[in-house]
Amino acid sequence: MSRTLIVIGLCIVLIGLLWPWLSKLPLGQLPGDIAIRRENFSFYFPIATMVLLSVLISALLWLFSR
């Protein structure tokens, strides 16, 4: 359990350090993401981004479990 928490903490630190570069990636603006903007209303549902991140995280977990 403690090893898992250490790995999760290191991943969070790594993402925090890489955030200036990660924020420039087009994630959240992919084709398939739903964005509705009206005068007094804004709705955003990043379907394609969630699928892409899910595939990447699943592949990483599969690689680390071997």
PDB file of N, CA and C in Angstrom:
ATOM      1  N   MET A   1       0.833  -1.197   0.000  1.00  0.00           N
ATOM      2  CA  MET A   1       0.000   0.000   0.000  1.00  0.00           C
ATOM      3  C   MET A   1       0.872   1.254   0.000  1.00  0.00           C
ATOM      4  N   SER A   2       1.917   1.266   0.815  1.00  0.00           N
ATOM      5  CA  SER A   2       2.760   2.457   0.888  1.00  0.00           C
ATOM      6  C   SER A   2       3.518   2.674  -0.420  1.00  0.00           C
ATOM      7  N   ARG A   3       3.901   1.580  -1.080  1.00  0.00           N
ATOM      8  CA  ARG A   3       4.593   1.702  -2.371  1.00  0.00           C
ATOM      9  C   ARG A   3       3.670   2.345  -3.411  1.00  0.00           C
ATOM     10  N   THR A   4       2.413   1.946  -3.395  1.00  0.00           N
ATOM     11  CA  THR A   4       1.435   2.511  -4.325  1.00  0.00           C
ATOM     12  C   THR A   4       1.246   4.005  -4.071  1.00  0.00           C
ATOM     13  N   LEU A   5       1.159   4.395  -2.810  1.00  0.00           N
ATOM     14  CA  LEU A   5       0.993   5.813  -2.487  1.00  0.00           C
ATOM     15  C   LEU A   5       2.216   6.627  -2.897  1.00  0.00           C
ATOM     16  N   ILE A   6       3.400   6.060  -2.748  1.00  0.00           N
ATOM     17  CA  ILE A   6       4.622   6.753  -3.163  1.00  0.00           C
ATOM     18  C   ILE A   6       4.632   6.943  -4.678  1.00  0.00           C
ATOM     19  N   VAL A   7       4.245   5.915  -5.423  1.00  0.00           N
ATOM     20  CA  VAL A   7       4.210   6.015  -6.888  1.00  0.00           C
ATOM     21  C   VAL A   7       3.173   7.046  -7.322  1.00  0.00           C
ATOM     22  N   ILE A   8       2.002   7.037  -6.702  1.00  0.00           N
ATOM     23  CA  ILE A   8       0.971   8.021  -7.037  1.00  0.00           C
ATOM     24  C   ILE A   8       1.463   9.429  -6.722  1.00  0.00           C
ATOM     25  N   GLY A   9       2.105   9.607  -5.583  1.00  0.00           N
ATOM     26  CA  GLY A   9       2.654  10.920  -5.222  1.00  0.00           C
ATOM     27  C   GLY A   9       3.708  11.392  -6.202  1.00  0.00           C
ATOM     28  N   LEU A  10       4.586  10.489  -6.630  1.00  0.00           N
ATOM     29  CA  LEU A  10       5.611  10.860  -7.610  1.00  0.00           C
ATOM     30  C   LEU A  10       4.993  11.222  -8.956  1.00  0.00           C
ATOM     31  N   CYS A  11       3.935  10.516  -9.330  1.00  0.00           N
ATOM     32  CA  CYS A  11       3.238  10.854 -10.586  1.00  0.00           C
ATOM     33  C   CYS A  11       2.607  12.240 -10.503  1.00  0.00           C
ATOM     34  N   ILE A  12       2.022  12.565  -9.374  1.00  0.00           N
ATOM     35  CA  ILE A  12       1.417  13.886  -9.195  1.00  0.00           C
ATOM     36  C   ILE A  12       2.484  14.972  -9.247  1.00  0.00           C
ATOM     37  N   VAL A  13       3.632  14.732  -8.614  1.00  0.00           N
ATOM     38  CA  VAL A  13       4.732  15.703  -8.659  1.00  0.00           C
ATOM     39  C   VAL A  13       5.238  15.859 -10.088  1.00  0.00           C
ATOM     40  N   LEU A  14       5.381  14.749 -10.815  1.00  0.00           N
ATOM     41  CA  LEU A  14       5.854  14.799 -12.195  1.00  0.00           C
ATOM     42  C   LEU A  14       4.887  15.591 -13.074  1.00  0.00           C
ATOM     43  N   ILE A  15       3.604  15.357 -12.918  1.00  0.00           N
ATOM     44  CA  ILE A  15       2.602  16.110 -13.690  1.00  0.00           C
ATOM     45  C   ILE A  15       2.667  17.590 -13.335  1.00  0.00           C
ATOM     46  N   GLY A  16       2.848  17.887 -12.060  1.00  0.00           N
ATOM     47  CA  GLY A  16       2.963  19.284 -11.641  1.00  0.00           C
ATOM     48  C   GLY A  16       4.177  19.973 -12.240  1.00  0.00           C
ATOM     49  N   LEU A  17       5.288  19.259 -12.327  1.00  0.00           N
ATOM     50  CA  LEU A  17       6.494  19.847 -12.917  1.00  0.00           C
ATOM     51  C   LEU A  17       6.367  20.017 -14.430  1.00  0.00           C
ATOM     52  N   LEU A  18       5.654  19.107 -15.071  1.00  0.00           N
ATOM     53  CA  LEU A  18       5.496  19.163 -16.522  1.00  0.00           C
ATOM     54  C   LEU A  18       4.288  19.980 -16.964  1.00  0.00           C
ATOM     55  N   TRP A  19       3.541  20.539 -16.016  1.00  0.00           N
ATOM     56  CA  TRP A  19       2.293  21.231 -16.348  1.00  0.00           C
ATOM     57  C   TRP A  19       2.457  22.366 -17.359  1.00  0.00           C
ATOM     58  N   PRO A  20       3.518  23.200 -17.305  1.00  0.00           N
ATOM     59  CA  PRO A  20       3.636  24.261 -18.320  1.00  0.00           C
ATOM     60  C   PRO A  20       3.657  23.717 -19.750  1.00  0.00           C
ATOM     61  N   TRP A  21       4.236  22.547 -19.948  1.00  0.00           N
ATOM     62  CA  TRP A  21       4.284  21.961 -21.285  1.00  0.00           C
ATOM     63  C   TRP A  21       3.030  21.162 -21.581  1.00  0.00           C
ATOM     64  N   LEU A  22       2.471  20.507 -20.580  1.00  0.00           N
ATOM     65  CA  LEU A  22       1.259  19.722 -20.788  1.00  0.00           C
ATOM     66  C   LEU A  22       0.056  20.597 -21.118  1.00  0.00           C
ATOM     67  N   SER A  23       0.027  21.808 -20.583  1.00  0.00           N
ATOM     68  CA  SER A  23      -1.112  22.690 -20.840  1.00  0.00           C
ATOM     69  C   SER A  23      -1.130  23.193 -22.279  1.00  0.00           C
ATOM     70  N   LYS A  24      -0.009  23.078 -22.983  1.00  0.00           N
ATOM     71  CA  LYS A  24       0.046  23.514 -24.383  1.00  0.00           C
ATOM     72  C   LYS A  24      -0.410  22.428 -25.349  1.00  0.00           C
ATOM     73  N   LEU A  25      -0.616  21.201 -24.854  1.00  0.00           N
ATOM     74  CA  LEU A  25      -1.115  20.120 -25.700  1.00  0.00           C
ATOM     75  C   LEU A  25      -2.580  20.376 -26.035  1.00  0.00           C
ATOM     76  N   PRO A  26      -3.032  19.893 -27.185  1.00  0.00           N
ATOM     77  CA  PRO A  26      -4.420  20.171 -27.582  1.00  0.00           C
ATOM     78  C   PRO A  26      -5.450  19.293 -26.887  1.00  0.00           C
ATOM     79  N   LEU A  27      -5.132  18.723 -25.728  1.00  0.00           N
ATOM     80  CA  LEU A  27      -6.117  17.931 -25.008  1.00  0.00           C
ATOM     81  C   LEU A  27      -7.266  18.834 -24.565  1.00  0.00           C
ATOM     82  N   GLY A  28      -8.461  18.367 -24.745  1.00  0.00           N
ATOM     83  CA  GLY A  28      -9.628  19.165 -24.414  1.00  0.00           C
ATOM     84  C   GLY A  28     -10.165  19.929 -25.602  1.00  0.00           C
ATOM     85  N   GLN A  29      -9.461  19.846 -26.712  1.00  0.00           N
ATOM     86  CA  GLN A  29      -9.906  20.509 -27.936  1.00  0.00           C
ATOM     87  C   GLN A  29      -9.869  19.538 -29.108  1.00  0.00           C
ATOM     88  N   LEU A  30     -10.044  18.269 -28.809  1.00  0.00           N
ATOM     89  CA  LEU A  30      -9.996  17.243 -29.834  1.00  0.00           C
ATOM     90  C   LEU A  30     -11.332  17.137 -30.550  1.00  0.00           C
ATOM     91  N   PRO A  31     -11.319  16.650 -31.786  1.00  0.00           N
ATOM     92  CA  PRO A  31     -12.594  16.374 -32.451  1.00  0.00           C
ATOM     93  C   PRO A  31     -13.349  15.311 -31.649  1.00  0.00           C
ATOM     94  N   GLY A  32     -14.583  15.517 -31.413  1.00  0.00           N
ATOM     95  CA  GLY A  32     -15.375  14.607 -30.596  1.00  0.00           C
ATOM     96  C   GLY A  32     -15.686  15.177 -29.229  1.00  0.00           C
ATOM     97  N   ASP A  33     -14.999  16.233 -28.837  1.00  0.00           N
ATOM     98  CA  ASP A  33     -15.319  16.916 -27.591  1.00  0.00           C
ATOM     99  C   ASP A  33     -16.506  17.836 -27.844  1.00  0.00           C
ATOM    100  N   ILE A  34     -17.449  17.825 -26.930  1.00  0.00           N
ATOM    101  CA  ILE A  34     -18.670  18.617 -27.089  1.00  0.00           C
ATOM    102  C   ILE A  34     -18.514  19.922 -26.324  1.00  0.00           C
ATOM    103  N   ALA A  35     -18.667  21.026 -27.025  1.00  0.00           N
ATOM    104  CA  ALA A  35     -18.606  22.346 -26.394  1.00  0.00           C
ATOM    105  C   ALA A  35     -19.781  23.173 -26.909  1.00  0.00           C
ATOM    106  N   ILE A  36     -20.655  23.590 -25.996  1.00  0.00           N
ATOM    107  CA  ILE A  36     -21.807  24.419 -26.342  1.00  0.00           C
ATOM    108  C   ILE A  36     -21.667  25.728 -25.582  1.00  0.00           C
ATOM    109  N   ARG A  37     -21.631  26.819 -26.312  1.00  0.00           N
ATOM    110  CA  ARG A  37     -21.496  28.146 -25.683  1.00  0.00           C
ATOM    111  C   ARG A  37     -22.654  29.031 -26.135  1.00  0.00           C
ATOM    112  N   ARG A  38     -23.355  29.538 -25.177  1.00  0.00           N
ATOM    113  CA  ARG A  38     -24.448  30.491 -25.414  1.00  0.00           C
ATOM    114  C   ARG A  38     -24.117  31.761 -24.648  1.00  0.00           C
ATOM    115  N   GLU A  39     -25.003  32.731 -24.683  1.00  0.00           N
ATOM    116  CA  GLU A  39     -24.750  33.991 -23.983  1.00  0.00           C
ATOM    117  C   GLU A  39     -24.556  33.799 -22.489  1.00  0.00           C
ATOM    118  N   ASN A  40     -25.489  33.106 -21.838  1.00  0.00           N
ATOM    119  CA  ASN A  40     -25.441  32.941 -20.388  1.00  0.00           C
ATOM    120  C   ASN A  40     -25.183  31.501 -19.960  1.00  0.00           C
ATOM    121  N   PHE A  41     -24.691  30.686 -20.875  1.00  0.00           N
ATOM    122  CA  PHE A  41     -24.554  29.263 -20.587  1.00  0.00           C
ATOM    123  C   PHE A  41     -23.359  28.705 -21.334  1.00  0.00           C
ATOM    124  N   SER A  42     -22.628  27.855 -20.669  1.00  0.00           N
ATOM    125  CA  SER A  42     -21.496  27.179 -21.297  1.00  0.00           C
ATOM    126  C   SER A  42     -21.472  25.729 -20.817  1.00  0.00           C
ATOM    127  N   PHE A  43     -21.390  24.795 -21.754  1.00  0.00           N
ATOM    128  CA  PHE A  43     -21.355  23.374 -21.436  1.00  0.00           C
ATOM    129  C   PHE A  43     -20.205  22.743 -22.191  1.00  0.00           C
ATOM    130  N   TYR A  44     -19.386  21.959 -21.485  1.00  0.00           N
ATOM    131  CA  TYR A  44     -18.237  21.324 -22.105  1.00  0.00           C
ATOM    132  C   TYR A  44     -18.163  19.881 -21.630  1.00  0.00           C
ATOM    133  N   PHE A  45     -18.096  18.932 -22.561  1.00  0.00           N
ATOM    134  CA  PHE A  45     -17.997  17.514 -22.241  1.00  0.00           C
ATOM    135  C   PHE A  45     -16.930  16.895 -23.140  1.00  0.00           C
ATOM    136  N   PRO A  46     -15.719  16.670 -22.610  1.00  0.00           N
ATOM    137  CA  PRO A  46     -14.592  16.195 -23.428  1.00  0.00           C
ATOM    138  C   PRO A  46     -14.588  14.671 -23.629  1.00  0.00           C
ATOM    139  N   ILE A  47     -15.466  14.169 -24.481  1.00  0.00           N
ATOM    140  CA  ILE A  47     -15.585  12.724 -24.692  1.00  0.00           C
ATOM    141  C   ILE A  47     -14.302  12.149 -25.286  1.00  0.00           C
ATOM    142  N   ALA A  48     -13.812  12.713 -26.377  1.00  0.00           N
ATOM    143  CA  ALA A  48     -12.619  12.175 -27.046  1.00  0.00           C
ATOM    144  C   ALA A  48     -11.393  12.266 -26.144  1.00  0.00           C
ATOM    145  N   THR A  49     -11.262  13.332 -25.399  1.00  0.00           N
ATOM    146  CA  THR A  49     -10.129  13.482 -24.495  1.00  0.00           C
ATOM    147  C   THR A  49     -10.181  12.430 -23.394  1.00  0.00           C
ATOM    148  N   MET A  50     -11.365  12.159 -22.850  1.00  0.00           N
ATOM    149  CA  MET A  50     -11.493  11.152 -21.797  1.00  0.00           C
ATOM    150  C   MET A  50     -11.171   9.763 -22.325  1.00  0.00           C
ATOM    151  N   VAL A  51     -11.607   9.444 -23.547  1.00  0.00           N
ATOM    152  CA  VAL A  51     -11.309   8.134 -24.135  1.00  0.00           C
ATOM    153  C   VAL A  51      -9.804   7.996 -24.356  1.00  0.00           C
ATOM    154  N   LEU A  52      -9.166   9.027 -24.874  1.00  0.00           N
ATOM    155  CA  LEU A  52      -7.726   8.992 -25.117  1.00  0.00           C
ATOM    156  C   LEU A  52      -6.944   8.814 -23.816  1.00  0.00           C
ATOM    157  N   LEU A  53      -7.295   9.566 -22.795  1.00  0.00           N
ATOM    158  CA  LEU A  53      -6.611   9.440 -21.511  1.00  0.00           C
ATOM    159  C   LEU A  53      -6.868   8.068 -20.884  1.00  0.00           C
ATOM    160  N   SER A  54      -8.045   7.535 -21.035  1.00  0.00           N
ATOM    161  CA  SER A  54      -8.359   6.219 -20.506  1.00  0.00           C
ATOM    162  C   SER A  54      -7.508   5.143 -21.177  1.00  0.00           C
ATOM    163  N   VAL A  55      -7.352   5.234 -22.475  1.00  0.00           N
ATOM    164  CA  VAL A  55      -6.518   4.270 -23.201  1.00  0.00           C
ATOM    165  C   VAL A  55      -5.066   4.383 -22.763  1.00  0.00           C
ATOM    166  N   LEU A  56      -4.565   5.597 -22.626  1.00  0.00           N
ATOM    167  CA  LEU A  56      -3.178   5.786 -22.205  1.00  0.00           C
ATOM    168  C   LEU A  56      -2.941   5.275 -20.790  1.00  0.00           C
ATOM    169  N   ILE A  57      -3.829   5.580 -19.870  1.00  0.00           N
ATOM    170  CA  ILE A  57      -3.672   5.119 -18.484  1.00  0.00           C
ATOM    171  C   ILE A  57      -3.797   3.599 -18.410  1.00  0.00           C
ATOM    172  N   SER A  58      -4.718   3.027 -19.166  1.00  0.00           N
ATOM    173  CA  SER A  58      -4.867   1.564 -19.170  1.00  0.00           C
ATOM    174  C   SER A  58      -3.608   0.896 -19.721  1.00  0.00           C
ATOM    175  N   ALA A  59      -3.029   1.462 -20.766  1.00  0.00           N
ATOM    176  CA  ALA A  59      -1.796   0.896 -21.333  1.00  0.00           C
ATOM    177  C   ALA A  59      -0.645   1.000 -20.339  1.00  0.00           C
ATOM    178  N   LEU A  60      -0.541   2.119 -19.653  1.00  0.00           N
ATOM    179  CA  LEU A  60       0.526   2.272 -18.658  1.00  0.00           C
ATOM    180  C   LEU A  60       0.348   1.287 -17.506  1.00  0.00           C
ATOM    181  N   LEU A  61      -0.866   1.138 -17.013  1.00  0.00           N
ATOM    182  CA  LEU A  61      -1.109   0.198 -15.924  1.00  0.00           C
ATOM    183  C   LEU A  61      -0.851  -1.237 -16.367  1.00  0.00           C
ATOM    184  N   TRP A  62      -1.186  -1.560 -17.609  1.00  0.00           N
ATOM    185  CA  TRP A  62      -0.925  -2.888 -18.130  1.00  0.00           C
ATOM    186  C   TRP A  62       0.579  -3.151 -18.204  1.00  0.00           C
ATOM    187  N   LEU A  63       1.339  -2.142 -18.644  1.00  0.00           N
ATOM    188  CA  LEU A  63       2.789  -2.302 -18.722  1.00  0.00           C
ATOM    189  C   LEU A  63       3.418  -2.452 -17.342  1.00  0.00           C
ATOM    190  N   PHE A  64       2.960  -1.685 -16.363  1.00  0.00           N
ATOM    191  CA  PHE A  64       3.539  -1.744 -15.018  1.00  0.00           C
ATOM    192  C   PHE A  64       3.126  -3.003 -14.266  1.00  0.00           C
ATOM    193  N   SER A  65       2.013  -3.626 -14.652  1.00  0.00           N
ATOM    194  CA  SER A  65       1.568  -4.826 -13.949  1.00  0.00           C
ATOM    195  C   SER A  65       2.313  -6.078 -14.412  1.00  0.00           C
ATOM    196  N   ARG A  66       3.043  -5.982 -15.499  1.00  0.00           N
ATOM    197  CA  ARG A  66       3.779  -7.137 -16.010  1.00  0.00           C
ATOM    198  C   ARG A  66       5.033  -7.354 -15.254  1.00  0.00           C
TER     199      ARG A  66
END
